[in-house]
Amino acid sequence: MSPRRSEAGGRIDRLRTIRFTFDGAPYTGHAGDTLASALLANGVTLFGRSFKYHRPRGVLTAGVEEPNALVTVLRGEVREPNIPATMVEIYDGLTAISQNRFPSLAWDVSAVNQLGGKLLSAGFYYKTFMGPVIGPLKGTRFWMFCEHFIRRAAGLGKAGTAPDTARYERMNAFCDVLVVGSGPAGLMAARAAADQGARVILAELEPHFGGSANWSGETIDGMPAAEWAARAAGQLEGRDNVRLLPRTTVWGYYDGNTLAAIERVTDHKETPGKGEPRHRYWTIRAKSVVLATGSLERPLVFPGNDRPGVMLAHAAERYANEYGVLPGDRIGLFTNNDSAYRAALALKKAGAVVVAIVDVRPELSSEMRKLAGEAEAEIFSGHAVIA
């Protein structure tokens, strides 16, 4: 078993092993894993380096909002940089590398920049590299000399130069109702519109419909939310007036209810099927649009909250429930709301030791104290993490 993989649980296929590489090292995961969840299951915590100071970066989230764990995916000579590891579905033969480091992720010589942090303030180069009034480097000549080296250090991933031989398609679609997001609200909106005879398109960013229902552990209509979502999506799939678009990002909303979307058709496959495009670009014109995209957790701010080992509570809960992966063996939670208590219980059930819940609120409900007790976590109410 992998170091951080729980003994049971998750929606991955534990009977199917997937082999891939990260920075040249071989790893294994399971069908249904993302690159982030598979690497976490293998005990990997360092995913990248920050832009200027090259500080170590780990996984912060479990979805498209991931800011730290950005990787480059290689397919032969073609490279695609700056892809969130949380959005890369692993497949046999996947090759991914970390970014913004030399010569390696663990030993990055540019990490020495951290020692000069106080000298390298924002925009320091505009003030520092202006030349003297007279002499060979007067005016902007010194800046033009230094600019070459500064620009070489800029950016994160390295763009490729090899021709992209993949095929791409363009599609136009018309519907009465476009539903963006397939969590419980999106599924119910799509079903309600379809029941009225409307032509419906349901677009979902993830590979599976259901959104948070796939990992929340809640119940809907008396059944586990994940089962309810799978059943609702299955019912919609069988309707002639409904089109389902998984792995589809709706990224633009324009006048006249015209929306732009990208469907990732074969990014999750080792070899595309005959005639399959890599991506499909959709222009969708809808009479009505339902935005059911859910919400994103915002991080609490404290020194060091960007270091490996710090993760959003919802992300930790999702890794435990959907992928059967523990972010750590001993976990502490820092919160200002009730959601962390549900996450603590989910992590406890997955096999982690929840040592403490630090809550900035001085007063807590009896229900939250009960959840903390079930998670066997000590509560520090009215406290905050400061270092």
Protein backbone atom coordinates (compact mmCIF):
# COMPACT_ATOMS: atom_id res chain seq x y z
CA MET A 1 0.00 0.00 0.00
CA SER A 2 1.19 3.54 -0.70
CA PRO A 3 2.46 5.49 2.37
CA ARG A 4 -0.53 7.84 2.47
CA ARG A 5 -3.26 5.71 0.89
CA SER A 6 -6.02 4.74 3.29
CA GLU A 7 -6.89 1.08 3.57
CA ALA A 8 -10.38 1.59 2.19
CA GLY A 9 -12.66 4.29 0.82
CA GLY A 10 -12.48 6.68 -2.07
CA ARG A 11 -13.95 6.43 -5.55
CA ILE A 12 -10.78 5.20 -7.23
CA ASP A 13 -10.48 1.76 -8.83
CA ARG A 14 -8.02 0.01 -6.52
CA LEU A 15 -7.93 -3.04 -8.80
CA ARG A 16 -6.42 -1.06 -11.66
CA THR A 17 -2.87 0.19 -11.24
CA ILE A 18 -1.60 3.10 -13.33
CA ARG A 19 2.12 3.71 -13.89
CA PHE A 20 3.51 7.19 -14.55
CA THR A 21 6.61 9.28 -13.95
CA PHE A 22 7.23 12.61 -12.23
CA ASP A 23 10.62 14.26 -12.68
CA GLY A 24 11.89 10.98 -14.10
CA ALA A 25 10.97 8.91 -11.03
CA PRO A 26 8.44 6.08 -11.49
CA TYR A 27 5.25 6.07 -9.43
CA THR A 28 1.98 4.15 -9.36
CA GLY A 29 -1.58 5.24 -8.75
CA HIS A 30 -5.07 3.98 -9.45
CA ALA A 31 -7.66 4.69 -12.10
CA GLY A 32 -9.56 7.77 -10.96
CA ASP A 33 -6.53 9.45 -9.39
CA THR A 34 -5.31 12.87 -10.37
CA LEU A 35 -1.57 13.48 -10.56
CA ALA A 36 -1.84 15.38 -7.27
CA SER A 37 -3.71 12.63 -5.41
CA ALA A 38 -1.42 9.90 -6.77
CA LEU A 39 1.75 11.75 -5.76
CA LEU A 40 0.32 12.54 -2.33
CA ALA A 41 -0.51 8.86 -1.93
CA ASN A 42 3.14 8.09 -2.66
CA GLY A 43 4.30 10.47 0.04
CA VAL A 44 5.35 13.31 -2.29
CA THR A 45 4.82 16.73 -0.73
CA LEU A 46 7.12 19.00 -2.80
CA PHE A 47 5.58 19.83 -6.19
CA GLY A 48 7.23 23.06 -7.32
CA ARG A 49 8.97 26.32 -6.51
CA SER A 50 7.63 29.85 -6.19
CA PHE A 51 8.24 32.45 -8.87
CA LYS A 52 10.76 34.88 -7.35
CA TYR A 53 12.17 33.41 -4.16
CA HIS A 54 11.89 29.76 -5.24
CA ARG A 55 10.24 28.81 -1.97
CA PRO A 56 9.04 25.17 -1.81
CA ARG A 57 5.46 24.64 -2.92
CA GLY A 58 3.06 21.79 -2.18
CA VAL A 59 -0.57 21.08 -3.01
CA LEU A 60 -3.01 23.60 -1.53
CA THR A 61 -6.31 22.56 -3.14
CA ALA A 62 -7.93 19.61 -4.89
CA GLY A 63 -9.38 21.36 -7.93
CA VAL A 64 -8.96 23.85 -10.73
CA GLU A 65 -8.09 26.68 -8.33
CA GLU A 66 -4.71 25.11 -7.45
CA PRO A 67 -2.07 27.91 -7.43
CA ASN A 68 1.05 26.02 -6.34
CA ALA A 69 1.32 22.53 -7.82
CA LEU A 70 1.78 23.53 -11.46
CA VAL A 71 3.52 20.99 -13.69
CA THR A 72 4.53 20.45 -17.30
CA VAL A 73 3.01 17.47 -19.11
CA LEU A 74 5.09 15.86 -21.86
CA ARG A 75 3.79 13.89 -24.84
CA GLY A 76 6.81 13.00 -26.91
CA GLU A 77 8.46 16.27 -27.91
CA VAL A 78 5.32 18.32 -27.19
CA ARG A 79 5.22 19.98 -23.78
CA GLU A 80 2.36 21.82 -22.09
CA PRO A 81 3.42 23.91 -19.07
CA ASN A 82 1.59 25.33 -16.06
CA ILE A 83 -1.05 22.63 -15.69
CA PRO A 84 -2.48 22.19 -12.16
CA ALA A 85 -1.54 18.72 -10.94
CA THR A 86 -5.02 18.58 -9.42
CA MET A 87 -6.53 18.61 -12.93
CA VAL A 88 -4.27 16.01 -14.59
CA GLU A 89 -5.91 12.58 -14.75
CA ILE A 90 -3.22 9.94 -14.61
CA TYR A 91 -2.91 7.30 -17.33
CA ASP A 92 -0.34 4.65 -18.18
CA GLY A 93 2.73 6.35 -19.57
CA LEU A 94 1.95 9.83 -18.25
CA THR A 95 5.13 11.91 -18.04
CA ALA A 96 5.11 15.07 -15.94
CA ILE A 97 7.90 17.29 -14.66
CA SER A 98 8.12 20.07 -12.10
CA GLN A 99 8.91 23.66 -13.05
CA ASN A 100 10.99 26.69 -12.11
CA ARG A 101 13.91 24.81 -10.59
CA PHE A 102 17.53 23.98 -11.45
CA PRO A 103 19.12 21.51 -11.37
CA SER A 104 16.36 19.63 -9.52
CA LEU A 105 13.24 20.26 -7.48
CA ALA A 106 14.85 19.21 -4.20
CA TRP A 107 18.11 21.10 -4.87
CA ASP A 108 17.23 24.38 -6.55
CA VAL A 109 20.14 26.82 -6.69
CA SER A 110 17.80 29.80 -7.08
CA ALA A 111 16.41 29.10 -3.60
CA VAL A 112 19.30 31.29 -2.44
CA ASN A 113 17.05 34.21 -3.43
CA GLN A 114 15.23 33.69 -0.14
CA LEU A 115 18.26 35.06 1.68
CA GLY A 116 17.88 38.39 -0.12
CA GLY A 117 14.14 38.71 0.26
CA LYS A 118 14.26 42.12 1.95
CA LEU A 119 16.40 43.50 -0.87
CA LEU A 120 14.25 42.07 -3.68
CA SER A 121 11.07 44.04 -3.04
CA ALA A 122 8.35 44.38 -5.68
CA GLY A 123 9.65 46.36 -8.65
CA PHE A 124 13.17 46.50 -7.23
CA TYR A 125 14.72 46.24 -10.68
CA TYR A 126 13.14 49.46 -11.90
CA LYS A 127 14.95 51.36 -9.15
CA THR A 128 18.13 49.32 -8.87
CA PHE A 129 19.28 49.03 -12.47
CA MET A 130 19.05 52.63 -13.56
CA GLY A 131 22.53 53.71 -14.65
CA PRO A 132 24.52 56.75 -13.58
CA VAL A 133 24.14 60.17 -15.16
CA ILE A 134 27.45 59.84 -17.00
CA GLY A 135 29.67 57.00 -18.15
CA PRO A 136 29.27 53.92 -20.40
CA LEU A 137 26.27 52.62 -18.40
CA LYS A 138 24.45 55.92 -18.13
CA GLY A 139 20.66 56.14 -18.33
CA THR A 140 19.00 52.81 -19.17
CA ARG A 141 22.07 51.03 -20.59
CA PHE A 142 22.73 49.18 -17.34
CA TRP A 143 19.07 48.10 -17.23
CA MET A 144 19.19 46.84 -20.80
CA PHE A 145 22.25 44.77 -19.87
CA CYS A 146 20.55 43.26 -16.80
CA GLU A 147 17.15 42.83 -18.44
CA HIS A 148 18.29 39.78 -20.40
CA PHE A 149 19.16 37.87 -17.21
CA ILE A 150 16.04 38.98 -15.34
CA ARG A 151 13.76 37.87 -18.15
CA ARG A 152 15.45 34.47 -18.30
CA ALA A 153 14.54 33.99 -14.64
CA ALA A 154 10.93 35.09 -15.16
CA GLY A 155 7.95 32.78 -15.62
CA LEU A 156 7.29 29.29 -14.32
CA GLY A 157 6.93 26.62 -17.00
CA LYS A 158 8.92 26.51 -20.21
CA ALA A 159 6.93 26.69 -23.44
CA GLY A 160 7.65 24.05 -26.04
CA THR A 161 8.76 24.58 -29.62
CA ALA A 162 7.84 21.22 -31.17
CA PRO A 163 4.84 21.19 -33.54
CA ASP A 164 1.57 20.07 -31.95
CA THR A 165 0.23 17.30 -34.17
CA ALA A 166 -2.99 16.79 -32.18
CA ARG A 167 -6.32 17.51 -33.83
CA TYR A 168 -8.77 20.08 -32.47
CA GLU A 169 -12.47 20.51 -33.26
CA ARG A 170 -14.85 23.44 -33.22
CA MET A 171 -18.53 22.96 -32.43
CA ASN A 172 -21.62 25.19 -32.30
CA ALA A 173 -24.55 24.30 -30.08
CA PHE A 174 -27.95 25.82 -29.34
CA CYS A 175 -30.09 25.07 -26.30
CA ASP A 176 -32.91 26.39 -24.18
CA VAL A 177 -30.99 25.99 -20.91
CA LEU A 178 -27.27 25.72 -20.30
CA VAL A 179 -26.36 24.53 -16.82
CA VAL A 180 -22.74 25.13 -15.79
CA GLY A 181 -21.73 22.84 -12.96
CA SER A 182 -23.19 19.46 -12.02
CA GLY A 183 -23.28 19.46 -8.25
CA PRO A 184 -26.62 18.77 -6.57
CA ALA A 185 -27.96 22.20 -7.58
CA GLY A 186 -26.82 21.83 -11.19
CA LEU A 187 -28.23 18.31 -11.53
CA MET A 188 -31.59 19.39 -10.12
CA ALA A 189 -31.70 22.45 -12.37
CA ALA A 190 -30.95 20.31 -15.43
CA ARG A 191 -33.60 17.77 -14.43
CA ALA A 192 -36.23 20.44 -13.80
CA ALA A 193 -35.59 22.04 -17.19
CA ALA A 194 -35.58 18.71 -18.99
CA ASP A 195 -38.88 17.74 -17.33
CA GLN A 196 -40.41 20.87 -18.90
CA GLY A 197 -39.31 19.71 -22.34
CA ALA A 198 -36.41 22.19 -22.66
CA ARG A 199 -33.26 21.37 -24.62
CA VAL A 200 -30.57 21.20 -21.95
CA ILE A 201 -26.77 21.18 -22.00
CA LEU A 202 -25.04 20.28 -18.74
CA ALA A 203 -21.33 21.17 -18.63
CA GLU A 204 -19.06 19.84 -15.90
CA LEU A 205 -15.39 20.67 -15.32
CA GLU A 206 -14.57 17.31 -13.70
CA PRO A 207 -14.60 13.83 -15.29
CA HIS A 208 -17.61 12.77 -13.20
CA PHE A 209 -20.89 14.53 -12.66
CA GLY A 210 -21.92 15.32 -9.10
CA GLY A 211 -19.52 18.00 -7.92
CA SER A 212 -19.18 18.09 -4.14
CA ALA A 213 -21.71 15.28 -3.81
CA ASN A 214 -18.95 12.88 -4.85
CA TRP A 215 -16.94 13.53 -1.69
CA SER A 216 -19.03 15.45 0.84
CA GLY A 217 -20.31 12.36 2.66
CA GLU A 218 -23.76 13.93 2.94
CA THR A 219 -27.13 12.33 2.19
CA ILE A 220 -29.71 13.47 -0.36
CA ASP A 221 -33.20 12.01 -0.52
CA GLY A 222 -32.19 9.38 2.03
CA MET A 223 -29.21 8.02 0.08
CA PRO A 224 -25.48 8.84 0.01
CA ALA A 225 -24.96 12.00 -2.02
CA ALA A 226 -22.52 10.29 -4.40
CA GLU A 227 -25.07 7.59 -5.23
CA TRP A 228 -27.80 10.20 -5.66
CA ALA A 229 -25.61 12.18 -8.07
CA ALA A 230 -24.67 9.10 -10.12
CA ARG A 231 -28.33 8.13 -10.37
CA ALA A 232 -29.42 11.66 -11.35
CA ALA A 233 -26.69 11.91 -14.01
CA GLY A 234 -27.65 8.50 -15.37
CA GLN A 235 -31.27 9.56 -15.70
CA LEU A 236 -30.26 12.70 -17.58
CA GLU A 237 -27.99 10.73 -19.90
CA GLY A 238 -30.92 8.71 -21.13
CA ARG A 239 -32.96 11.75 -22.22
CA ASP A 240 -33.05 12.84 -25.85
CA ASN A 241 -33.30 16.52 -24.93
CA VAL A 242 -30.19 16.54 -22.70
CA ARG A 243 -26.54 16.72 -23.73
CA LEU A 244 -23.89 15.99 -21.08
CA LEU A 245 -20.43 17.51 -21.43
CA PRO A 246 -17.95 16.17 -18.85
CA ARG A 247 -14.37 17.50 -18.67
CA THR A 248 -15.67 20.77 -20.06
CA THR A 249 -14.63 24.20 -18.85
CA VAL A 250 -17.02 27.05 -19.61
CA TRP A 251 -14.60 29.95 -19.67
CA GLY A 252 -16.34 32.88 -21.38
CA TYR A 253 -19.76 34.55 -21.11
CA TYR A 254 -20.61 37.05 -23.87
CA ASP A 255 -23.52 39.18 -25.05
CA GLY A 256 -26.72 37.43 -26.02
CA ASN A 257 -26.12 34.44 -23.74
CA THR A 258 -23.26 33.22 -25.89
CA LEU A 259 -20.75 31.13 -23.93
CA ALA A 260 -17.40 29.59 -24.81
CA ALA A 261 -16.25 26.21 -23.52
CA ILE A 262 -13.36 23.79 -23.93
CA GLU A 263 -13.98 20.05 -23.74
CA ARG A 264 -10.89 17.98 -22.89
CA VAL A 265 -11.69 14.93 -25.01
CA THR A 266 -8.53 12.82 -24.84
CA ASP A 267 -6.14 14.46 -22.37
CA HIS A 268 -6.82 11.56 -19.98
CA LYS A 269 -5.96 8.86 -22.53
CA GLU A 270 -2.61 7.33 -23.33
CA THR A 271 -3.56 7.09 -27.01
CA PRO A 272 -6.57 8.88 -28.56
CA GLY A 273 -9.07 6.77 -30.43
CA LYS A 274 -9.26 6.93 -34.19
CA GLY A 275 -10.55 10.33 -35.27
CA GLU A 276 -10.76 11.69 -31.72
CA PRO A 277 -9.64 15.29 -31.21
CA ARG A 278 -7.60 16.35 -28.26
CA HIS A 279 -9.90 19.27 -27.41
CA ARG A 280 -13.25 20.43 -28.66
CA TYR A 281 -14.04 24.15 -28.63
CA TRP A 282 -17.73 24.87 -28.07
CA THR A 283 -19.65 28.04 -28.88
CA ILE A 284 -22.95 27.66 -27.04
CA ARG A 285 -25.95 29.96 -27.51
CA ALA A 286 -28.60 29.53 -24.83
CA LYS A 287 -31.94 31.12 -24.04
CA SER A 288 -31.24 30.78 -20.33
CA VAL A 289 -28.09 30.03 -18.32
CA VAL A 290 -27.85 28.51 -14.84
CA LEU A 291 -24.50 29.05 -13.13
CA ALA A 292 -24.20 26.30 -10.52
CA THR A 293 -20.43 26.36 -10.15
CA GLY A 294 -20.31 26.04 -6.37
CA SER A 295 -17.82 27.92 -4.22
CA LEU A 296 -14.10 27.98 -3.49
CA GLU A 297 -12.61 27.95 -0.01
CA ARG A 298 -10.44 30.95 0.80
CA PRO A 299 -7.22 30.37 2.77
CA LEU A 300 -6.54 31.89 6.14
CA VAL A 301 -3.46 34.09 6.21
CA PHE A 302 -0.51 33.38 8.51
CA PRO A 303 3.28 33.18 8.05
CA GLY A 304 4.27 30.02 6.20
CA ASN A 305 0.81 29.22 4.86
CA ASP A 306 2.37 28.71 1.41
CA ARG A 307 4.68 25.88 2.50
CA PRO A 308 4.26 22.16 1.67
CA GLY A 309 2.03 20.48 4.22
CA VAL A 310 -0.48 23.34 4.39
CA MET A 311 -3.75 22.52 2.62
CA LEU A 312 -7.29 23.85 2.57
CA ALA A 313 -9.64 21.88 4.82
CA HIS A 314 -12.09 21.11 2.01
CA ALA A 315 -9.20 19.83 -0.11
CA ALA A 316 -8.02 17.52 2.67
CA GLU A 317 -11.58 16.24 3.09
CA ARG A 318 -11.89 15.63 -0.65
CA TYR A 319 -8.59 13.75 -0.89
CA ALA A 320 -9.69 11.51 1.97
CA ASN A 321 -13.23 10.85 0.72
CA GLU A 322 -12.81 10.79 -3.06
CA TYR A 323 -9.28 9.47 -3.51
CA GLY A 324 -8.63 7.61 -0.26
CA VAL A 325 -5.51 9.72 0.36
CA LEU A 326 -4.38 11.22 3.65
CA PRO A 327 -2.61 14.60 3.45
CA GLY A 328 -0.63 13.62 6.57
CA ASP A 329 -0.53 11.25 9.52
CA ARG A 330 -0.98 13.90 12.23
CA ILE A 331 -3.17 16.82 11.19
CA GLY A 332 -4.12 20.11 12.79
CA LEU A 333 -6.89 22.34 11.45
CA PHE A 334 -7.11 26.15 11.62
CA THR A 335 -10.56 27.58 10.97
CA ASN A 336 -13.04 30.41 11.40
CA ASN A 337 -16.19 28.43 10.47
CA ASP A 338 -17.94 25.10 11.00
CA SER A 339 -16.75 23.31 7.85
CA ALA A 340 -13.42 22.29 9.40
CA TYR A 341 -15.18 20.08 11.95
CA ARG A 342 -16.74 17.94 9.23
CA ALA A 343 -13.33 17.75 7.54
CA ALA A 344 -11.74 16.66 10.82
CA LEU A 345 -14.21 13.81 11.20
CA ALA A 346 -13.67 12.70 7.59
CA LEU A 347 -9.91 12.65 8.10
CA LYS A 348 -10.30 10.71 11.34
CA LYS A 349 -12.47 8.09 9.63
CA ALA A 350 -9.88 7.79 6.85
CA GLY A 351 -7.19 6.90 9.38
CA ALA A 352 -5.48 10.19 10.22
CA VAL A 353 -4.81 11.48 13.72
CA VAL A 354 -6.41 14.91 14.15
CA VAL A 355 -4.42 16.48 16.95
CA ALA A 356 -6.14 19.85 17.22
CA ILE A 357 -8.69 22.28 15.80
CA VAL A 358 -7.67 25.92 16.24
CA ASP A 359 -10.78 28.13 15.92
CA VAL A 360 -10.64 31.93 16.05
CA ARG A 361 -14.21 32.04 17.36
CA PRO A 362 -14.46 32.13 21.16
CA GLU A 363 -17.88 30.46 21.22
CA LEU A 364 -18.70 27.16 19.51
CA SER A 365 -21.96 25.27 19.16
CA SER A 366 -22.52 21.99 20.96
CA GLU A 367 -22.82 20.27 17.58
CA MET A 368 -19.31 21.37 16.57
CA ARG A 369 -17.91 20.26 19.92
CA LYS A 370 -19.56 16.90 19.39
CA LEU A 371 -17.94 16.52 15.95
CA ALA A 372 -14.56 17.44 17.42
CA GLY A 373 -15.08 14.82 20.11
CA GLU A 374 -15.85 12.17 17.51
CA ALA A 375 -12.67 13.18 15.67
CA GLU A 376 -10.78 12.97 19.00
CA ALA A 377 -9.40 16.45 18.34
CA GLU A 378 -8.50 18.99 21.00
CA ILE A 379 -10.23 22.36 20.50
CA PHE A 380 -8.42 25.68 20.89
CA SER A 381 -11.29 28.18 20.63
CA GLY A 382 -10.51 31.88 20.53
CA HIS A 383 -7.02 31.11 19.23
CA ALA A 384 -5.20 31.73 15.94
CA VAL A 385 -2.13 30.40 14.20
CA ILE A 386 0.51 33.13 14.07
CA ALA A 387 3.61 31.23 12.95
